Amino acid sequence: MKTLIITTAIALLTSMVTADPAAQAGNSASQVSIEYHGAEPNALRYDTEATDGQFFYIAIKLTIPPVHNADVDFSVSKIRVDGDGICTFFGTDKSVTQVPDGNVRDVGPPQTLYGGYCTGW
């Protein structure tokens, strides 16, 4: 009897330790859609990111035809996020902009973004 109780306890503890934490919490990693609105007229870029809380780098360049197709940093003035989550973005001029699902937020002042992270609800 004692052996049965100990064996059952070990099996229960092992199943709790090896189970996937995301499955236990009932949420899986999803993605959000992001719109970066540039300070320049008609400048717009779309992207998707996972809502796993991992930091991602943003490498946005804007091609300007009058300057022989030179790439310049994309100055962002607004960000829109759609999906089940909230994203935080970091700018080169030290801005921190949080954008929850279904919202548009101003980046102030408009600036190049270098990274961010998104988490699910």
PDB file of N, CA and C in Angstrom:
ATOM      1  N   MET A   1       0.828  -1.196   0.000  1.00  0.00           N
ATOM      2  CA  MET A   1       0.000   0.000   0.000  1.00  0.00           C
ATOM      3  C   MET A   1       0.870   1.256   0.000  1.00  0.00           C
ATOM      4  N   LYS A   2       1.898   1.235   0.861  1.00  0.00           N
ATOM      5  CA  LYS A   2       2.802   2.375   0.941  1.00  0.00           C
ATOM      6  C   LYS A   2       3.496   2.607  -0.408  1.00  0.00           C
ATOM      7  N   THR A   3       3.895   1.532  -1.078  1.00  0.00           N
ATOM      8  CA  THR A   3       4.551   1.626  -2.376  1.00  0.00           C
ATOM      9  C   THR A   3       3.602   2.206  -3.415  1.00  0.00           C
ATOM     10  N   LEU A   4       2.330   1.838  -3.387  1.00  0.00           N
ATOM     11  CA  LEU A   4       1.343   2.356  -4.328  1.00  0.00           C
ATOM     12  C   LEU A   4       1.153   3.855  -4.152  1.00  0.00           C
ATOM     13  N   ILE A   5       1.085   4.315  -2.926  1.00  0.00           N
ATOM     14  CA  ILE A   5       0.912   5.748  -2.648  1.00  0.00           C
ATOM     15  C   ILE A   5       2.135   6.529  -3.125  1.00  0.00           C
ATOM     16  N   ILE A   6       3.326   6.024  -2.842  1.00  0.00           N
ATOM     17  CA  ILE A   6       4.558   6.713  -3.255  1.00  0.00           C
ATOM     18  C   ILE A   6       4.662   6.732  -4.779  1.00  0.00           C
ATOM     19  N   THR A   7       4.362   5.620  -5.431  1.00  0.00           N
ATOM     20  CA  THR A   7       4.410   5.557  -6.894  1.00  0.00           C
ATOM     21  C   THR A   7       3.406   6.511  -7.520  1.00  0.00           C
ATOM     22  N   THR A   8       2.208   6.578  -6.980  1.00  0.00           N
ATOM     23  CA  THR A   8       1.185   7.485  -7.482  1.00  0.00           C
ATOM     24  C   THR A   8       1.617   8.940  -7.291  1.00  0.00           C
ATOM     25  N   ALA A   9       2.198   9.261  -6.152  1.00  0.00           N
ATOM     26  CA  ALA A   9       2.655  10.630  -5.876  1.00  0.00           C
ATOM     27  C   ALA A   9       3.770  11.030  -6.842  1.00  0.00           C
ATOM     28  N   ILE A  10       4.698  10.118  -7.105  1.00  0.00           N
ATOM     29  CA  ILE A  10       5.802  10.413  -8.031  1.00  0.00           C
ATOM     30  C   ILE A  10       5.253  10.618  -9.444  1.00  0.00           C
ATOM     31  N   ALA A  11       4.336   9.784  -9.869  1.00  0.00           N
ATOM     32  CA  ALA A  11       3.749   9.920 -11.205  1.00  0.00           C
ATOM     33  C   ALA A  11       3.004  11.245 -11.339  1.00  0.00           C
ATOM     34  N   LEU A  12       2.282  11.631 -10.300  1.00  0.00           N
ATOM     35  CA  LEU A  12       1.548  12.899 -10.327  1.00  0.00           C
ATOM     36  C   LEU A  12       2.501  14.085 -10.402  1.00  0.00           C
ATOM     37  N   LEU A  13       3.542  14.063  -9.583  1.00  0.00           N
ATOM     38  CA  LEU A  13       4.517  15.157  -9.606  1.00  0.00           C
ATOM     39  C   LEU A  13       5.236  15.226 -10.951  1.00  0.00           C
ATOM     40  N   THR A  14       5.593  14.088 -11.514  1.00  0.00           N
ATOM     41  CA  THR A  14       6.273  14.069 -12.812  1.00  0.00           C
ATOM     42  C   THR A  14       5.390  14.653 -13.898  1.00  0.00           C
ATOM     43  N   SER A  15       4.103  14.315 -13.899  1.00  0.00           N
ATOM     44  CA  SER A  15       3.213  14.859 -14.927  1.00  0.00           C
ATOM     45  C   SER A  15       3.034  16.356 -14.770  1.00  0.00           C
ATOM     46  N   MET A  16       3.070  16.870 -13.554  1.00  0.00           N
ATOM     47  CA  MET A  16       2.933  18.317 -13.340  1.00  0.00           C
ATOM     48  C   MET A  16       4.175  19.055 -13.807  1.00  0.00           C
ATOM     49  N   VAL A  17       5.348  18.479 -13.591  1.00  0.00           N
ATOM     50  CA  VAL A  17       6.607  19.129 -13.962  1.00  0.00           C
ATOM     51  C   VAL A  17       6.809  19.114 -15.464  1.00  0.00           C
ATOM     52  N   THR A  18       6.449  18.024 -16.140  1.00  0.00           N
ATOM     53  CA  THR A  18       6.727  17.916 -17.567  1.00  0.00           C
ATOM     54  C   THR A  18       5.639  18.501 -18.451  1.00  0.00           C
ATOM     55  N   ALA A  19       4.515  18.902 -17.889  1.00  0.00           N
ATOM     56  CA  ALA A  19       3.438  19.466 -18.705  1.00  0.00           C
ATOM     57  C   ALA A  19       3.851  20.821 -19.252  1.00  0.00           C
ATOM     58  N   ASP A  20       3.361  21.154 -20.430  1.00  0.00           N
ATOM     59  CA  ASP A  20       3.642  22.429 -21.076  1.00  0.00           C
ATOM     60  C   ASP A  20       2.990  23.560 -20.289  1.00  0.00           C
ATOM     61  N   PRO A  21       3.773  24.558 -19.811  1.00  0.00           N
ATOM     62  CA  PRO A  21       3.189  25.654 -19.038  1.00  0.00           C
ATOM     63  C   PRO A  21       2.122  26.428 -19.813  1.00  0.00           C
ATOM     64  N   ALA A  22       2.311  26.608 -21.133  1.00  0.00           N
ATOM     65  CA  ALA A  22       1.307  27.334 -21.918  1.00  0.00           C
ATOM     66  C   ALA A  22      -0.007  26.564 -21.955  1.00  0.00           C
ATOM     67  N   ALA A  23       0.098  25.239 -22.046  1.00  0.00           N
ATOM     68  CA  ALA A  23      -1.116  24.427 -22.064  1.00  0.00           C
ATOM     69  C   ALA A  23      -1.813  24.470 -20.711  1.00  0.00           C
ATOM     70  N   GLN A  24      -1.020  24.497 -19.622  1.00  0.00           N
ATOM     71  CA  GLN A  24      -1.605  24.584 -18.289  1.00  0.00           C
ATOM     72  C   GLN A  24      -2.332  25.905 -18.109  1.00  0.00           C
ATOM     73  N   ALA A  25      -1.760  26.982 -18.627  1.00  0.00           N
ATOM     74  CA  ALA A  25      -2.367  28.298 -18.474  1.00  0.00           C
ATOM     75  C   ALA A  25      -3.554  28.482 -19.405  1.00  0.00           C
ATOM     76  N   GLY A  26      -3.666  27.607 -20.411  1.00  0.00           N
ATOM     77  CA  GLY A  26      -4.793  27.691 -21.330  1.00  0.00           C
ATOM     78  C   GLY A  26      -4.603  28.706 -22.444  1.00  0.00           C
ATOM     79  N   ASN A  27      -3.373  29.204 -22.633  1.00  0.00           N
ATOM     80  CA  ASN A  27      -3.146  30.158 -23.711  1.00  0.00           C
ATOM     81  C   ASN A  27      -1.956  29.711 -24.549  1.00  0.00           C
ATOM     82  N   SER A  28      -2.064  29.901 -25.823  1.00  0.00           N
ATOM     83  CA  SER A  28      -0.975  29.563 -26.715  1.00  0.00           C
ATOM     84  C   SER A  28      -0.498  30.845 -27.381  1.00  0.00           C
ATOM     85  N   ALA A  29       0.732  30.800 -27.869  1.00  0.00           N
ATOM     86  CA  ALA A  29       1.290  31.982 -28.513  1.00  0.00           C
ATOM     87  C   ALA A  29       0.496  32.292 -29.780  1.00  0.00           C
ATOM     88  N   SER A  30       0.107  33.540 -29.913  1.00  0.00           N
ATOM     89  CA  SER A  30      -0.590  33.973 -31.119  1.00  0.00           C
ATOM     90  C   SER A  30       0.190  35.134 -31.704  1.00  0.00           C
ATOM     91  N   GLN A  31      -0.374  35.772 -32.690  1.00  0.00           N
ATOM     92  CA  GLN A  31       0.305  36.893 -33.323  1.00  0.00           C
ATOM     93  C   GLN A  31      -0.611  38.105 -33.358  1.00  0.00           C
ATOM     94  N   VAL A  32       0.012  39.265 -33.430  1.00  0.00           N
ATOM     95  CA  VAL A  32      -0.711  40.515 -33.630  1.00  0.00           C
ATOM     96  C   VAL A  32      -0.250  41.114 -34.945  1.00  0.00           C
ATOM     97  N   SER A  33      -1.138  41.876 -35.559  1.00  0.00           N
ATOM     98  CA  SER A  33      -0.794  42.631 -36.760  1.00  0.00           C
ATOM     99  C   SER A  33      -0.445  44.050 -36.340  1.00  0.00           C
ATOM    100  N   ILE A  34       0.601  44.576 -36.933  1.00  0.00           N
ATOM    101  CA  ILE A  34       1.076  45.913 -36.570  1.00  0.00           C
ATOM    102  C   ILE A  34       1.140  46.772 -37.822  1.00  0.00           C
ATOM    103  N   GLU A  35       0.621  47.991 -37.723  1.00  0.00           N
ATOM    104  CA  GLU A  35       0.742  48.997 -38.783  1.00  0.00           C
ATOM    105  C   GLU A  35       1.623  50.115 -38.256  1.00  0.00           C
ATOM    106  N   TYR A  36       2.691  50.395 -38.965  1.00  0.00           N
ATOM    107  CA  TYR A  36       3.559  51.524 -38.644  1.00  0.00           C
ATOM    108  C   TYR A  36       3.217  52.646 -39.613  1.00  0.00           C
ATOM    109  N   HIS A  37       2.728  53.764 -39.107  1.00  0.00           N
ATOM    110  CA  HIS A  37       2.413  54.922 -39.947  1.00  0.00           C
ATOM    111  C   HIS A  37       3.590  55.884 -39.865  1.00  0.00           C
ATOM    112  N   GLY A  38       4.155  56.194 -41.026  1.00  0.00           N
ATOM    113  CA  GLY A  38       5.323  57.061 -41.059  1.00  0.00           C
ATOM    114  C   GLY A  38       4.982  58.524 -40.976  1.00  0.00           C
ATOM    115  N   ALA A  39       5.971  59.301 -40.583  1.00  0.00           N
ATOM    116  CA  ALA A  39       5.815  60.751 -40.516  1.00  0.00           C
ATOM    117  C   ALA A  39       5.707  61.346 -41.924  1.00  0.00           C
ATOM    118  N   GLU A  40       6.323  60.670 -42.898  1.00  0.00           N
ATOM    119  CA  GLU A  40       6.227  61.108 -44.294  1.00  0.00           C
ATOM    120  C   GLU A  40       4.855  60.747 -44.845  1.00  0.00           C
ATOM    121  N   PRO A  41       4.289  61.563 -45.716  1.00  0.00           N
ATOM    122  CA  PRO A  41       2.984  61.232 -46.304  1.00  0.00           C
ATOM    123  C   PRO A  41       3.020  59.882 -47.027  1.00  0.00           C
ATOM    124  N   ASN A  42       1.958  59.122 -46.861  1.00  0.00           N
ATOM    125  CA  ASN A  42       1.791  57.823 -47.517  1.00  0.00           C
ATOM    126  C   ASN A  42       2.815  56.772 -47.091  1.00  0.00           C
ATOM    127  N   ALA A  43       3.548  57.010 -46.040  1.00  0.00           N
ATOM    128  CA  ALA A  43       4.513  56.019 -45.571  1.00  0.00           C
ATOM    129  C   ALA A  43       3.799  55.078 -44.602  1.00  0.00           C
ATOM    130  N   LEU A  44       3.757  53.807 -44.957  1.00  0.00           N
ATOM    131  CA  LEU A  44       3.027  52.821 -44.174  1.00  0.00           C
ATOM    132  C   LEU A  44       3.720  51.482 -44.303  1.00  0.00           C
ATOM    133  N   ARG A  45       3.803  50.755 -43.209  1.00  0.00           N
ATOM    134  CA  ARG A  45       4.404  49.425 -43.252  1.00  0.00           C
ATOM    135  C   ARG A  45       3.601  48.491 -42.357  1.00  0.00           C
ATOM    136  N   TYR A  46       3.451  47.242 -42.799  1.00  0.00           N
ATOM    137  CA  TYR A  46       2.723  46.231 -42.041  1.00  0.00           C
ATOM    138  C   TYR A  46       3.685  45.155 -41.560  1.00  0.00           C
ATOM    139  N   ASP A  47       3.386  44.576 -40.413  1.00  0.00           N
ATOM    140  CA  ASP A  47       4.223  43.517 -39.865  1.00  0.00           C
ATOM    141  C   ASP A  47       3.370  42.651 -38.952  1.00  0.00           C
ATOM    142  N   THR A  48       3.875  41.488 -38.592  1.00  0.00           N
ATOM    143  CA  THR A  48       3.230  40.648 -37.582  1.00  0.00           C
ATOM    144  C   THR A  48       4.294  40.215 -36.588  1.00  0.00           C
ATOM    145  N   GLU A  49       3.897  40.077 -35.341  1.00  0.00           N
ATOM    146  CA  GLU A  49       4.806  39.627 -34.295  1.00  0.00           C
ATOM    147  C   GLU A  49       4.071  38.671 -33.375  1.00  0.00           C
ATOM    148  N   ALA A  50       4.807  37.756 -32.779  1.00  0.00           N
ATOM    149  CA  ALA A  50       4.231  36.802 -31.825  1.00  0.00           C
ATOM    150  C   ALA A  50       3.967  37.502 -30.496  1.00  0.00           C
ATOM    151  N   THR A  51       2.959  37.020 -29.784  1.00  0.00           N
ATOM    152  CA  THR A  51       2.628  37.585 -28.470  1.00  0.00           C
ATOM    153  C   THR A  51       3.243  36.736 -27.363  1.00  0.00           C
ATOM    154  N   ASP A  52       4.520  36.382 -27.541  1.00  0.00           N
ATOM    155  CA  ASP A  52       5.193  35.526 -26.573  1.00  0.00           C
ATOM    156  C   ASP A  52       6.073  36.300 -25.599  1.00  0.00           C
ATOM    157  N   GLY A  53       6.078  37.623 -25.685  1.00  0.00           N
ATOM    158  CA  GLY A  53       6.869  38.438 -24.764  1.00  0.00           C
ATOM    159  C   GLY A  53       8.335  38.554 -25.134  1.00  0.00           C
ATOM    160  N   GLN A  54       8.745  37.957 -26.245  1.00  0.00           N
ATOM    161  CA  GLN A  54      10.143  38.028 -26.672  1.00  0.00           C
ATOM    162  C   GLN A  54      10.423  39.363 -27.369  1.00  0.00           C
ATOM    163  N   PHE A  55      11.566  39.958 -27.063  1.00  0.00           N
ATOM    164  CA  PHE A  55      11.968  41.219 -27.687  1.00  0.00           C
ATOM    165  C   PHE A  55      12.227  40.980 -29.170  1.00  0.00           C
ATOM    166  N   PHE A  56      11.754  41.902 -30.013  1.00  0.00           N
ATOM    167  CA  PHE A  56      12.041  41.817 -31.448  1.00  0.00           C
ATOM    168  C   PHE A  56      12.645  43.147 -31.890  1.00  0.00           C
ATOM    169  N   TYR A  57      13.519  43.068 -32.882  1.00  0.00           N
ATOM    170  CA  TYR A  57      14.131  44.260 -33.445  1.00  0.00           C
ATOM    171  C   TYR A  57      13.326  44.721 -34.647  1.00  0.00           C
ATOM    172  N   ILE A  58      13.248  46.024 -34.833  1.00  0.00           N
ATOM    173  CA  ILE A  58      12.526  46.604 -35.955  1.00  0.00           C
ATOM    174  C   ILE A  58      13.557  47.235 -36.884  1.00  0.00           C
ATOM    175  N   ALA A  59      13.595  46.765 -38.098  1.00  0.00           N
ATOM    176  CA  ALA A  59      14.517  47.318 -39.094  1.00  0.00           C
ATOM    177  C   ALA A  59      13.671  47.845 -40.245  1.00  0.00           C
ATOM    178  N   ILE A  60      13.246  49.084 -40.122  1.00  0.00           N
ATOM    179  CA  ILE A  60      12.404  49.687 -41.155  1.00  0.00           C
ATOM    180  C   ILE A  60      13.219  50.751 -41.875  1.00  0.00           C
ATOM    181  N   LYS A  61      13.320  50.595 -43.160  1.00  0.00           N
ATOM    182  CA  LYS A  61      13.983  51.587 -44.007  1.00  0.00           C
ATOM    183  C   LYS A  61      12.971  52.104 -45.011  1.00  0.00           C
ATOM    184  N   LEU A  62      13.078  53.351 -45.344  1.00  0.00           N
ATOM    185  CA  LEU A  62      12.183  53.975 -46.304  1.00  0.00           C
ATOM    186  C   LEU A  62      13.014  54.370 -47.521  1.00  0.00           C
ATOM    187  N   THR A  63      12.630  53.892 -48.685  1.00  0.00           N
ATOM    188  CA  THR A  63      13.348  54.228 -49.911  1.00  0.00           C
ATOM    189  C   THR A  63      12.796  55.532 -50.470  1.00  0.00           C
ATOM    190  N   ILE A  64      13.693  56.463 -50.703  1.00  0.00           N
ATOM    191  CA  ILE A  64      13.305  57.771 -51.229  1.00  0.00           C
ATOM    192  C   ILE A  64      13.812  57.889 -52.658  1.00  0.00           C
ATOM    193  N   PRO A  65      12.933  57.775 -53.655  1.00  0.00           N
ATOM    194  CA  PRO A  65      13.369  57.815 -55.056  1.00  0.00           C
ATOM    195  C   PRO A  65      14.147  59.061 -55.462  1.00  0.00           C
ATOM    196  N   PRO A  66      13.775  60.285 -55.029  1.00  0.00           N
ATOM    197  CA  PRO A  66      14.534  61.441 -55.499  1.00  0.00           C
ATOM    198  C   PRO A  66      16.001  61.449 -55.058  1.00  0.00           C
ATOM    199  N   VAL A  67      16.331  60.630 -54.069  1.00  0.00           N
ATOM    200  CA  VAL A  67      17.711  60.615 -53.570  1.00  0.00           C
ATOM    201  C   VAL A  67      18.397  59.325 -54.033  1.00  0.00           C
ATOM    202  N   HIS A  68      18.176  58.961 -55.264  1.00  0.00           N
ATOM    203  CA  HIS A  68      18.824  57.792 -55.874  1.00  0.00           C
ATOM    204  C   HIS A  68      18.589  56.512 -55.072  1.00  0.00           C
ATOM    205  N   ASN A  69      17.330  56.314 -54.660  1.00  0.00           N
ATOM    206  CA  ASN A  69      16.931  55.122 -53.912  1.00  0.00           C
ATOM    207  C   ASN A  69      17.716  54.915 -52.620  1.00  0.00           C
ATOM    208  N   ALA A  70      18.098  55.988 -51.982  1.00  0.00           N
ATOM    209  CA  ALA A  70      18.814  55.874 -50.710  1.00  0.00           C
ATOM    210  C   ALA A  70      17.856  55.400 -49.623  1.00  0.00           C
ATOM    211  N   ASP A  71      18.330  54.505 -48.791  1.00  0.00           N
ATOM    212  CA  ASP A  71      17.534  54.047 -47.658  1.00  0.00           C
ATOM    213  C   ASP A  71      17.792  54.958 -46.461  1.00  0.00           C
ATOM    214  N   VAL A  72      16.722  55.426 -45.871  1.00  0.00           N
ATOM    215  CA  VAL A  72      16.829  56.245 -44.658  1.00  0.00           C
ATOM    216  C   VAL A  72      15.953  55.605 -43.591  1.00  0.00           C
ATOM    217  N   ASP A  73      16.209  55.937 -42.349  1.00  0.00           N
ATOM    218  CA  ASP A  73      15.402  55.396 -41.265  1.00  0.00           C
ATOM    219  C   ASP A  73      13.967  55.857 -41.400  1.00  0.00           C
ATOM    220  N   PHE A  74      13.056  54.964 -41.096  1.00  0.00           N
ATOM    221  CA  PHE A  74      11.619  55.197 -41.199  1.00  0.00           C
ATOM    222  C   PHE A  74      11.156  55.839 -39.902  1.00  0.00           C
ATOM    223  N   SER A  75      10.775  57.100 -39.973  1.00  0.00           N
ATOM    224  CA  SER A  75      10.295  57.818 -38.793  1.00  0.00           C
ATOM    225  C   SER A  75       8.813  57.507 -38.603  1.00  0.00           C
ATOM    226  N   VAL A  76       8.468  56.914 -37.461  1.00  0.00           N
ATOM    227  CA  VAL A  76       7.109  56.465 -37.188  1.00  0.00           C
ATOM    228  C   VAL A  76       6.374  57.506 -36.353  1.00  0.00           C
ATOM    229  N   SER A  77       5.146  57.831 -36.773  1.00  0.00           N
ATOM    230  CA  SER A  77       4.341  58.799 -36.019  1.00  0.00           C
ATOM    231  C   SER A  77       3.159  58.146 -35.304  1.00  0.00           C
ATOM    232  N   LYS A  78       2.656  57.023 -35.844  1.00  0.00           N
ATOM    233  CA  LYS A  78       1.529  56.307 -35.225  1.00  0.00           C
ATOM    234  C   LYS A  78       1.734  54.805 -35.385  1.00  0.00           C
ATOM    235  N   ILE A  79       1.182  54.054 -34.429  1.00  0.00           N
ATOM    236  CA  ILE A  79       1.229  52.596 -34.482  1.00  0.00           C
ATOM    237  C   ILE A  79      -0.165  52.068 -34.193  1.00  0.00           C
ATOM    238  N   ARG A  80      -0.571  51.079 -34.983  1.00  0.00           N
ATOM    239  CA  ARG A  80      -1.846  50.391 -34.731  1.00  0.00           C
ATOM    240  C   ARG A  80      -1.546  48.914 -34.503  1.00  0.00           C
ATOM    241  N   VAL A  81      -2.216  48.329 -33.509  1.00  0.00           N
ATOM    242  CA  VAL A  81      -2.055  46.908 -33.197  1.00  0.00           C
ATOM    243  C   VAL A  81      -3.430  46.243 -33.246  1.00  0.00           C
ATOM    244  N   ASP A  82      -3.521  45.116 -33.948  1.00  0.00           N
ATOM    245  CA  ASP A  82      -4.741  44.310 -33.996  1.00  0.00           C
ATOM    246  C   ASP A  82      -4.386  42.872 -33.660  1.00  0.00           C
ATOM    247  N   GLY A  83      -5.134  42.280 -32.770  1.00  0.00           N
ATOM    248  CA  GLY A  83      -4.910  40.903 -32.329  1.00  0.00           C
ATOM    249  C   GLY A  83      -5.109  40.847 -30.827  1.00  0.00           C
ATOM    250  N   ASP A  84      -4.997  39.681 -30.265  1.00  0.00           N
ATOM    251  CA  ASP A  84      -5.215  39.527 -28.827  1.00  0.00           C
ATOM    252  C   ASP A  84      -3.932  39.796 -28.052  1.00  0.00           C
ATOM    253  N   GLY A  85      -3.642  41.058 -27.822  1.00  0.00           N
ATOM    254  CA  GLY A  85      -2.444  41.369 -27.060  1.00  0.00           C
ATOM    255  C   GLY A  85      -2.196  42.854 -26.937  1.00  0.00           C
ATOM    256  N   ILE A  86      -1.079  43.160 -26.304  1.00  0.00           N
ATOM    257  CA  ILE A  86      -0.620  44.533 -26.131  1.00  0.00           C
ATOM    258  C   ILE A  86       0.865  44.560 -26.480  1.00  0.00           C
ATOM    259  N   CYS A  87       1.294  45.599 -27.194  1.00  0.00           N
ATOM    260  CA  CYS A  87       2.688  45.702 -27.617  1.00  0.00           C
ATOM    261  C   CYS A  87       3.318  46.964 -27.049  1.00  0.00           C
ATOM    262  N   THR A  88       4.587  46.865 -26.747  1.00  0.00           N
ATOM    263  CA  THR A  88       5.376  48.003 -26.275  1.00  0.00           C
ATOM    264  C   THR A  88       6.523  48.205 -27.254  1.00  0.00           C
ATOM    265  N   PHE A  89       6.693  49.447 -27.711  1.00  0.00           N
ATOM    266  CA  PHE A  89       7.705  49.781 -28.710  1.00  0.00           C
ATOM    267  C   PHE A  89       8.682  50.792 -28.123  1.00  0.00           C
ATOM    268  N   PHE A  90       9.952  50.693 -28.545  1.00  0.00           N
ATOM    269  CA  PHE A  90      11.006  51.575 -28.060  1.00  0.00           C
ATOM    270  C   PHE A  90      11.611  52.351 -29.224  1.00  0.00           C
ATOM    271  N   GLY A  91      11.750  53.672 -29.042  1.00  0.00           N
ATOM    272  CA  GLY A  91      12.273  54.537 -30.089  1.00  0.00           C
ATOM    273  C   GLY A  91      13.692  54.981 -29.832  1.00  0.00           C
ATOM    274  N   THR A  92      14.342  55.442 -30.896  1.00  0.00           N
ATOM    275  CA  THR A  92      15.732  55.889 -30.787  1.00  0.00           C
ATOM    276  C   THR A  92      15.860  57.178 -29.982  1.00  0.00           C
ATOM    277  N   ASP A  93      14.768  57.947 -29.881  1.00  0.00           N
ATOM    278  CA  ASP A  93      14.788  59.164 -29.057  1.00  0.00           C
ATOM    279  C   ASP A  93      14.206  58.906 -27.675  1.00  0.00           C
ATOM    280  N   LYS A  94      14.280  57.638 -27.245  1.00  0.00           N
ATOM    281  CA  LYS A  94      13.881  57.202 -25.900  1.00  0.00           C
ATOM    282  C   LYS A  94      12.379  57.175 -25.653  1.00  0.00           C
ATOM    283  N   SER A  95      11.570  57.124 -26.689  1.00  0.00           N
ATOM    284  CA  SER A  95      10.133  57.000 -26.466  1.00  0.00           C
ATOM    285  C   SER A  95       9.791  55.552 -26.133  1.00  0.00           C
ATOM    286  N   VAL A  96       8.759  55.390 -25.328  1.00  0.00           N
ATOM    287  CA  VAL A  96       8.187  54.078 -25.023  1.00  0.00           C
ATOM    288  C   VAL A  96       6.696  54.209 -25.296  1.00  0.00           C
ATOM    289  N   THR A  97       6.197  53.413 -26.243  1.00  0.00           N
ATOM    290  CA  THR A  97       4.802  53.516 -26.654  1.00  0.00           C
ATOM    291  C   THR A  97       4.124  52.171 -26.469  1.00  0.00           C
ATOM    292  N   GLN A  98       3.067  52.138 -25.649  1.00  0.00           N
ATOM    293  CA  GLN A  98       2.279  50.923 -25.469  1.00  0.00           C
ATOM    294  C   GLN A  98       1.014  51.026 -26.285  1.00  0.00           C
ATOM    295  N   VAL A  99       0.719  49.946 -27.031  1.00  0.00           N
ATOM    296  CA  VAL A  99      -0.467  49.942 -27.885  1.00  0.00           C
ATOM    297  C   VAL A  99      -1.258  48.662 -27.621  1.00  0.00           C
ATOM    298  N   PRO A 100      -2.440  48.782 -26.990  1.00  0.00           N
ATOM    299  CA  PRO A 100      -3.279  47.595 -26.806  1.00  0.00           C
ATOM    300  C   PRO A 100      -4.045  47.246 -28.078  1.00  0.00           C
ATOM    301  N   ASP A 101      -4.555  46.037 -28.119  1.00  0.00           N
ATOM    302  CA  ASP A 101      -5.318  45.509 -29.245  1.00  0.00           C
ATOM    303  C   ASP A 101      -6.410  46.473 -29.695  1.00  0.00           C
ATOM    304  N   GLY A 102      -6.464  46.687 -31.015  1.00  0.00           N
ATOM    305  CA  GLY A 102      -7.526  47.508 -31.593  1.00  0.00           C
ATOM    306  C   GLY A 102      -7.348  48.995 -31.424  1.00  0.00           C
ATOM    307  N   ASN A 103      -6.167  49.439 -31.031  1.00  0.00           N
ATOM    308  CA  ASN A 103      -5.931  50.856 -30.791  1.00  0.00           C
ATOM    309  C   ASN A 103      -4.846  51.406 -31.704  1.00  0.00           C
ATOM    310  N   VAL A 104      -4.886  52.723 -31.889  1.00  0.00           N
ATOM    311  CA  VAL A 104      -3.842  53.465 -32.588  1.00  0.00           C
ATOM    312  C   VAL A 104      -3.266  54.446 -31.576  1.00  0.00           C
ATOM    313  N   ARG A 105      -1.944  54.485 -31.483  1.00  0.00           N
ATOM    314  CA  ARG A 105      -1.292  55.409 -30.550  1.00  0.00           C
ATOM    315  C   ARG A 105      -0.266  56.248 -31.293  1.00  0.00           C
ATOM    316  N   ASP A 106      -0.136  57.507 -30.860  1.00  0.00           N
ATOM    317  CA  ASP A 106       0.891  58.394 -31.400  1.00  0.00           C
ATOM    318  C   ASP A 106       2.246  58.027 -30.808  1.00  0.00           C
ATOM    319  N   VAL A 107       3.279  58.142 -31.627  1.00  0.00           N
ATOM    320  CA  VAL A 107       4.654  58.038 -31.158  1.00  0.00           C
ATOM    321  C   VAL A 107       5.139  59.470 -31.063  1.00  0.00           C
ATOM    322  N   GLY A 108       5.496  59.894 -29.872  1.00  0.00           N
ATOM    323  CA  GLY A 108       5.846  61.301 -29.738  1.00  0.00           C
ATOM    324  C   GLY A 108       7.202  61.527 -29.126  1.00  0.00           C
ATOM    325  N   PRO A 109       7.965  62.358 -29.787  1.00  0.00           N
ATOM    326  CA  PRO A 109       7.803  62.855 -31.155  1.00  0.00           C
ATOM    327  C   PRO A 109       8.049  61.722 -32.156  1.00  0.00           C
ATOM    328  N   PRO A 110       7.595  61.887 -33.415  1.00  0.00           N
ATOM    329  CA  PRO A 110       7.859  60.842 -34.414  1.00  0.00           C
ATOM    330  C   PRO A 110       9.352  60.505 -34.460  1.00  0.00           C
ATOM    331  N   GLN A 111       9.648  59.199 -34.532  1.00  0.00           N
ATOM    332  CA  GLN A 111      11.041  58.761 -34.497  1.00  0.00           C
ATOM    333  C   GLN A 111      11.175  57.340 -35.025  1.00  0.00           C
ATOM    334  N   THR A 112      12.407  56.936 -35.223  1.00  0.00           N
ATOM    335  CA  THR A 112      12.707  55.578 -35.643  1.00  0.00           C
ATOM    336  C   THR A 112      12.524  54.652 -34.450  1.00  0.00           C
ATOM    337  N   LEU A 113      11.859  53.533 -34.674  1.00  0.00           N
ATOM    338  CA  LEU A 113      11.694  52.521 -33.628  1.00  0.00           C
ATOM    339  C   LEU A 113      12.749  51.447 -33.826  1.00  0.00           C
ATOM    340  N   TYR A 114      13.339  50.978 -32.732  1.00  0.00           N
ATOM    341  CA  TYR A 114      14.357  49.939 -32.873  1.00  0.00           C
ATOM    342  C   TYR A 114      13.913  48.582 -32.350  1.00  0.00           C
ATOM    343  N   GLY A 115      12.839  48.508 -31.570  1.00  0.00           N
ATOM    344  CA  GLY A 115      12.411  47.203 -31.077  1.00  0.00           C
ATOM    345  C   GLY A 115      11.176  47.284 -30.225  1.00  0.00           C
ATOM    346  N   GLY A 116      10.765  46.116 -29.739  1.00  0.00           N
ATOM    347  CA  GLY A 116       9.601  46.055 -28.879  1.00  0.00           C
ATOM    348  C   GLY A 116       9.294  44.621 -28.502  1.00  0.00           C
ATOM    349  N   TYR A 117       8.169  44.449 -27.835  1.00  0.00           N
ATOM    350  CA  TYR A 117       7.689  43.108 -27.490  1.00  0.00           C
ATOM    351  C   TYR A 117       6.178  43.148 -27.368  1.00  0.00           C
ATOM    352  N   CYS A 118       5.538  42.009 -27.559  1.00  0.00           N
ATOM    353  CA  CYS A 118       4.088  41.892 -27.456  1.00  0.00           C
ATOM    354  C   CYS A 118       3.752  40.731 -26.525  1.00  0.00           C
ATOM    355  N   THR A 119       2.705  40.910 -25.754  1.00  0.00           N
ATOM    356  CA  THR A 119       2.229  39.847 -24.883  1.00  0.00           C
ATOM    357  C   THR A 119       0.742  39.649 -25.134  1.00  0.00           C
ATOM    358  N   GLY A 120       0.276  38.446 -24.886  1.00  0.00           N
ATOM    359  CA  GLY A 120      -1.138  38.136 -25.058  1.00  0.00           C
ATOM    360  C   GLY A 120      -1.950  38.553 -23.846  1.00  0.00           C
ATOM    361  N   TRP A 121      -3.253  38.517 -24.007  1.00  0.00           N
ATOM    362  CA  TRP A 121      -4.149  38.870 -22.898  1.00  0.00           C
ATOM    363  C   TRP A 121      -4.240  37.756 -21.923  1.00  0.00           C
TER     364      TRP A 121
END
